[in-house]
Amino acid sequence: LHLFAGTPRLGTFDDAAAGLGATVDSVDTLHGGREHDLLDTARQEAIVAAVTAGEYTVVFIGTPCSSFSIWWLAATMPTLRTREHPEGLPGLTDTRRAYVDTHNKLAEFSARVAHAAFDAGCTVVIENPPDRGMRASPHFRWSTRHHAPLWLMPCMRLLAAHIRPKWV
C-alpha cells in the first residue's frame, strides 16, 4: 500500500515494487482523482480496515509535508507552525488555519494507518523531511531551530511511543 503516492513515474516506490514483481495499491488524488481523496472519512475507514485485516505486507506513507516544511521559516513567509505549536500557531488567518488543519488531519490519518499496519505485522515506512530544529540532529541549523516537523505532531509522538521506530 502506498498512501500519498504522488504522480506515477519512474523511480518511485511503486516502480521499484513493480521491478520486483510486486503489486502496489497506490492511493493519491493524482492517481485516482476524488476516489482517492484521503480526507474522505469513508475512504480512510476502508483503508484502516484493509490494513487491520492484513491485506498488506508493506505500508509506505508519504504524508504531505508542505505545511511542515522549513520553507515556512523563511523571512518572507508567514510562519504556520513552531516547535511550541506543532499543530499550528494561534491567530492564523482563516485560510492558513484551514490549510494547517487539513494537513493535521492527514497526519492523524497517517498515524492511524501506521499504527494499524504495525499491529498487523506490516513493514511501515513514513517518508517526511527530518527534524531540522532538534539540536542533537546532524540536520540541525540555527536558522531552522523553530522548525516543527511532522514528527512533533501529537499523533506521531503517540505512534512513536507505540512502535518505537528506527529513525533514519
C-alpha atoms as a PDB file:
ATOM      1  CA  LEU A   1       0.000   0.000   0.000  1.00  0.00           C
ATOM      2  CA  HIS A   2       1.361   3.402  -0.957  1.00  0.00           C
ATOM      3  CA  LEU A   3      -0.545   6.338   0.518  1.00  0.00           C
ATOM      4  CA  PHE A   4       0.019   9.831  -0.871  1.00  0.00           C
ATOM      5  CA  ALA A   5       1.742   8.177  -3.818  1.00  0.00           C
ATOM      6  CA  GLY A   6       2.036  11.272  -5.980  1.00  0.00           C
ATOM      7  CA  THR A   7       2.253  11.236  -9.749  1.00  0.00           C
ATOM      8  CA  PRO A   8       3.057   7.857 -11.324  1.00  0.00           C
ATOM      9  CA  ARG A   9       6.669   7.998 -12.554  1.00  0.00           C
ATOM     10  CA  LEU A  10       9.959   6.122 -12.735  1.00  0.00           C
ATOM     11  CA  GLY A  11      11.937   5.745  -9.534  1.00  0.00           C
ATOM     12  CA  THR A  12       9.020   5.679  -7.110  1.00  0.00           C
ATOM     13  CA  PHE A  13       8.142   3.060  -4.520  1.00  0.00           C
ATOM     14  CA  ASP A  14       5.538   1.723  -6.968  1.00  0.00           C
ATOM     15  CA  ASP A  15       8.097   1.486  -9.765  1.00  0.00           C
ATOM     16  CA  ALA A  16      10.591  -0.351  -7.530  1.00  0.00           C
ATOM     17  CA  ALA A  17       7.918  -2.791  -6.368  1.00  0.00           C
ATOM     18  CA  ALA A  18       6.877  -3.493  -9.957  1.00  0.00           C
ATOM     19  CA  GLY A  19      10.516  -4.274 -10.751  1.00  0.00           C
ATOM     20  CA  LEU A  20      10.366  -6.957  -8.060  1.00  0.00           C
ATOM     21  CA  GLY A  21       7.123  -8.370  -9.407  1.00  0.00           C
ATOM     22  CA  ALA A  22       5.039  -6.988  -6.546  1.00  0.00           C
ATOM     23  CA  THR A  23       1.799  -5.099  -6.897  1.00  0.00           C
ATOM     24  CA  VAL A  24       1.084  -1.863  -5.078  1.00  0.00           C
ATOM     25  CA  ASP A  25      -2.212  -0.187  -4.305  1.00  0.00           C
ATOM     26  CA  SER A  26      -1.320   3.449  -4.877  1.00  0.00           C
ATOM     27  CA  VAL A  27      -3.658   5.985  -3.356  1.00  0.00           C
ATOM     28  CA  ASP A  28      -3.439   9.655  -4.249  1.00  0.00           C
ATOM     29  CA  THR A  29      -5.726  12.130  -5.950  1.00  0.00           C
ATOM     30  CA  LEU A  30      -3.038  12.327  -8.660  1.00  0.00           C
ATOM     31  CA  HIS A  31      -3.693   8.623  -9.346  1.00  0.00           C
ATOM     32  CA  GLY A  32      -7.413   8.279  -8.846  1.00  0.00           C
ATOM     33  CA  GLY A  33      -8.908  11.754  -8.507  1.00  0.00           C
ATOM     34  CA  ARG A  34     -11.673  12.261  -5.970  1.00  0.00           C
ATOM     35  CA  GLU A  35     -11.986   8.489  -5.473  1.00  0.00           C
ATOM     36  CA  HIS A  36      -8.565   8.654  -3.809  1.00  0.00           C
ATOM     37  CA  ASP A  37      -9.262  11.639  -1.556  1.00  0.00           C
ATOM     38  CA  LEU A  38      -7.676  10.680   1.756  1.00  0.00           C
ATOM     39  CA  LEU A  39      -9.627  13.352   3.609  1.00  0.00           C
ATOM     40  CA  ASP A  40     -12.784  11.334   2.924  1.00  0.00           C
ATOM     41  CA  THR A  41     -13.738   9.573   6.154  1.00  0.00           C
ATOM     42  CA  ALA A  42     -15.265   6.538   4.431  1.00  0.00           C
ATOM     43  CA  ARG A  43     -12.107   6.087   2.337  1.00  0.00           C
ATOM     44  CA  GLN A  44      -9.974   6.391   5.476  1.00  0.00           C
ATOM     45  CA  GLU A  45     -12.013   3.774   7.316  1.00  0.00           C
ATOM     46  CA  ALA A  46     -11.819   1.378   4.354  1.00  0.00           C
ATOM     47  CA  ILE A  47      -8.030   1.708   4.250  1.00  0.00           C
ATOM     48  CA  VAL A  48      -7.613   1.227   8.001  1.00  0.00           C
ATOM     49  CA  ALA A  49      -9.905  -1.842   7.833  1.00  0.00           C
ATOM     50  CA  ALA A  50      -7.894  -3.344   4.946  1.00  0.00           C
ATOM     51  CA  VAL A  51      -4.616  -2.756   6.770  1.00  0.00           C
ATOM     52  CA  THR A  52      -6.016  -4.179  10.019  1.00  0.00           C
ATOM     53  CA  ALA A  53      -7.260  -7.234   8.139  1.00  0.00           C
ATOM     54  CA  GLY A  54      -3.715  -7.974   6.976  1.00  0.00           C
ATOM     55  CA  GLU A  55      -4.237  -7.219   3.287  1.00  0.00           C
ATOM     56  CA  TYR A  56      -0.800  -5.611   3.014  1.00  0.00           C
ATOM     57  CA  THR A  57       2.772  -6.590   3.794  1.00  0.00           C
ATOM     58  CA  VAL A  58       4.315  -3.142   3.402  1.00  0.00           C
ATOM     59  CA  VAL A  59       2.674   0.219   4.027  1.00  0.00           C
ATOM     60  CA  PHE A  60       4.519   3.240   2.650  1.00  0.00           C
ATOM     61  CA  ILE A  61       3.102   6.611   3.725  1.00  0.00           C
ATOM     62  CA  GLY A  62       4.257   9.854   2.149  1.00  0.00           C
ATOM     63  CA  THR A  63       2.260  12.242   4.316  1.00  0.00           C
ATOM     64  CA  PRO A  64       2.067  15.661   2.600  1.00  0.00           C
ATOM     65  CA  CYS A  65       4.854  17.717   4.095  1.00  0.00           C
ATOM     66  CA  SER A  66       4.373  21.194   2.671  1.00  0.00           C
ATOM     67  CA  SER A  67       2.916  22.729   5.843  1.00  0.00           C
ATOM     68  CA  PHE A  68       5.710  21.112   7.877  1.00  0.00           C
ATOM     69  CA  SER A  69       8.458  22.433   5.617  1.00  0.00           C
ATOM     70  CA  ILE A  70      11.331  24.665   6.710  1.00  0.00           C
ATOM     71  CA  TRP A  71      10.284  26.826   3.752  1.00  0.00           C
ATOM     72  CA  TRP A  72       7.718  28.444   6.073  1.00  0.00           C
ATOM     73  CA  LEU A  73      10.589  29.673   8.258  1.00  0.00           C
ATOM     74  CA  ALA A  74      11.889  31.967   5.505  1.00  0.00           C
ATOM     75  CA  ALA A  75      11.701  35.642   6.427  1.00  0.00           C
ATOM     76  CA  THR A  76       9.350  36.300   3.504  1.00  0.00           C
ATOM     77  CA  MET A  77       6.853  33.598   4.526  1.00  0.00           C
ATOM     78  CA  PRO A  78       4.221  33.578   7.278  1.00  0.00           C
ATOM     79  CA  THR A  79       5.134  31.081   9.991  1.00  0.00           C
ATOM     80  CA  LEU A  80       2.477  28.359  10.295  1.00  0.00           C
ATOM     81  CA  ARG A  81       3.951  26.103  12.992  1.00  0.00           C
ATOM     82  CA  THR A  82       6.695  26.204  15.584  1.00  0.00           C
ATOM     83  CA  ARG A  83       8.115  23.595  17.917  1.00  0.00           C
ATOM     84  CA  GLU A  84       5.945  25.085  20.656  1.00  0.00           C
ATOM     85  CA  HIS A  85       2.858  24.975  18.387  1.00  0.00           C
ATOM     86  CA  PRO A  86       3.299  21.991  16.037  1.00  0.00           C
ATOM     87  CA  GLU A  87      -0.442  21.871  15.296  1.00  0.00           C
ATOM     88  CA  GLY A  88      -0.384  25.483  14.106  1.00  0.00           C
ATOM     89  CA  LEU A  89       0.225  28.879  15.599  1.00  0.00           C
ATOM     90  CA  PRO A  90      -2.604  30.639  17.406  1.00  0.00           C
ATOM     91  CA  GLY A  91      -4.023  33.558  15.452  1.00  0.00           C
ATOM     92  CA  LEU A  92      -3.547  32.197  11.934  1.00  0.00           C
ATOM     93  CA  THR A  93      -5.849  33.689   9.327  1.00  0.00           C
ATOM     94  CA  ASP A  94      -8.864  31.539   8.463  1.00  0.00           C
ATOM     95  CA  THR A  95      -7.244  30.488   5.175  1.00  0.00           C
ATOM     96  CA  ARG A  96      -3.960  29.495   6.807  1.00  0.00           C
ATOM     97  CA  ARG A  97      -5.775  27.752   9.689  1.00  0.00           C
ATOM     98  CA  ALA A  98      -7.784  25.693   7.169  1.00  0.00           C
ATOM     99  CA  TYR A  99      -4.547  24.771   5.334  1.00  0.00           C
ATOM    100  CA  VAL A 100      -2.826  23.674   8.559  1.00  0.00           C
ATOM    101  CA  ASP A 101      -5.929  21.826   9.785  1.00  0.00           C
ATOM    102  CA  THR A 102      -6.110  19.875   6.514  1.00  0.00           C
ATOM    103  CA  HIS A 103      -2.502  18.779   6.931  1.00  0.00           C
ATOM    104  CA  ASN A 104      -3.123  17.935  10.593  1.00  0.00           C
ATOM    105  CA  LYS A 105      -5.999  15.652   9.560  1.00  0.00           C
ATOM    106  CA  LEU A 106      -3.773  13.918   7.010  1.00  0.00           C
ATOM    107  CA  ALA A 107      -1.060  13.484   9.654  1.00  0.00           C
ATOM    108  CA  GLU A 108      -3.592  11.972  12.070  1.00  0.00           C
ATOM    109  CA  PHE A 109      -4.826   9.587   9.369  1.00  0.00           C
ATOM    110  CA  SER A 110      -1.222   8.626   8.552  1.00  0.00           C
ATOM    111  CA  ALA A 111      -0.577   7.832  12.207  1.00  0.00           C
ATOM    112  CA  ARG A 112      -3.762   5.712  12.421  1.00  0.00           C
ATOM    113  CA  VAL A 113      -2.753   3.708   9.349  1.00  0.00           C
ATOM    114  CA  ALA A 114       0.813   3.248  10.581  1.00  0.00           C
ATOM    115  CA  HIS A 115      -0.449   2.095  13.981  1.00  0.00           C
ATOM    116  CA  ALA A 116      -2.815  -0.426  12.357  1.00  0.00           C
ATOM    117  CA  ALA A 117      -0.090  -1.608   9.981  1.00  0.00           C
ATOM    118  CA  PHE A 118       2.416  -2.119  12.788  1.00  0.00           C
ATOM    119  CA  ASP A 119      -0.135  -4.050  14.831  1.00  0.00           C
ATOM    120  CA  ALA A 120      -0.921  -6.204  11.764  1.00  0.00           C
ATOM    121  CA  GLY A 121       2.761  -7.087  11.361  1.00  0.00           C
ATOM    122  CA  CYS A 122       3.486  -4.920   8.314  1.00  0.00           C
ATOM    123  CA  THR A 123       6.664  -3.116   7.489  1.00  0.00           C
ATOM    124  CA  VAL A 124       5.805   0.568   7.867  1.00  0.00           C
ATOM    125  CA  VAL A 125       7.636   3.474   6.258  1.00  0.00           C
ATOM    126  CA  ILE A 126       6.672   7.101   6.773  1.00  0.00           C
ATOM    127  CA  GLU A 127       8.556   9.383   4.432  1.00  0.00           C
ATOM    128  CA  ASN A 128       8.866  13.001   5.510  1.00  0.00           C
ATOM    129  CA  PRO A 129      11.689  15.532   5.968  1.00  0.00           C
ATOM    130  CA  PRO A 130      13.893  15.289   9.064  1.00  0.00           C
ATOM    131  CA  ASP A 131      13.556  17.404  12.173  1.00  0.00           C
ATOM    132  CA  ARG A 132      15.847  20.347  11.494  1.00  0.00           C
ATOM    133  CA  GLY A 133      15.137  22.000  14.825  1.00  0.00           C
ATOM    134  CA  MET A 134      16.383  19.184  17.063  1.00  0.00           C
ATOM    135  CA  ARG A 135      19.738  20.317  18.382  1.00  0.00           C
ATOM    136  CA  ALA A 136      21.150  16.778  18.662  1.00  0.00           C
ATOM    137  CA  SER A 137      20.439  16.076  14.981  1.00  0.00           C
ATOM    138  CA  PRO A 138      23.085  16.304  12.257  1.00  0.00           C
ATOM    139  CA  HIS A 139      20.382  18.180  10.298  1.00  0.00           C
ATOM    140  CA  PHE A 140      20.115  20.960  12.878  1.00  0.00           C
ATOM    141  CA  ARG A 141      20.719  24.504  11.727  1.00  0.00           C
ATOM    142  CA  TRP A 142      20.384  27.576  13.913  1.00  0.00           C
ATOM    143  CA  SER A 143      18.204  29.200  11.247  1.00  0.00           C
ATOM    144  CA  THR A 144      15.741  26.295  11.481  1.00  0.00           C
ATOM    145  CA  ARG A 145      15.716  25.923  15.269  1.00  0.00           C
ATOM    146  CA  HIS A 146      11.962  26.657  15.374  1.00  0.00           C
ATOM    147  CA  HIS A 147      11.147  24.014  12.744  1.00  0.00           C
ATOM    148  CA  ALA A 148       8.060  21.945  13.583  1.00  0.00           C
ATOM    149  CA  PRO A 149       8.270  18.754  11.528  1.00  0.00           C
ATOM    150  CA  LEU A 150       5.587  16.112  11.181  1.00  0.00           C
ATOM    151  CA  TRP A 151       7.365  14.128  13.897  1.00  0.00           C
ATOM    152  CA  LEU A 152       6.372  16.652  16.604  1.00  0.00           C
ATOM    153  CA  MET A 153       2.661  16.259  15.961  1.00  0.00           C
ATOM    154  CA  PRO A 154       0.971  14.655  19.000  1.00  0.00           C
ATOM    155  CA  CYS A 155      -0.380  11.810  16.838  1.00  0.00           C
ATOM    156  CA  MET A 156       3.126  10.995  15.590  1.00  0.00           C
ATOM    157  CA  ARG A 157       4.625  11.153  19.077  1.00  0.00           C
ATOM    158  CA  LEU A 158       1.977   8.678  20.285  1.00  0.00           C
ATOM    159  CA  LEU A 159       2.700   6.458  17.286  1.00  0.00           C
ATOM    160  CA  ALA A 160       6.437   6.548  18.012  1.00  0.00           C
ATOM    161  CA  ALA A 161       5.832   5.614  21.647  1.00  0.00           C
ATOM    162  CA  HIS A 162       3.812   2.607  20.457  1.00  0.00           C
ATOM    163  CA  ILE A 163       6.021   1.287  17.661  1.00  0.00           C
ATOM    164  CA  ARG A 164       9.483   2.530  18.720  1.00  0.00           C
ATOM    165  CA  PRO A 165      10.627   3.269  15.182  1.00  0.00           C
ATOM    166  CA  LYS A 166      14.071   3.209  13.690  1.00  0.00           C
ATOM    167  CA  TRP A 167      14.762   6.843  12.799  1.00  0.00           C
ATOM    168  CA  VAL A 168      16.752   7.185   9.578  1.00  0.00           C
END
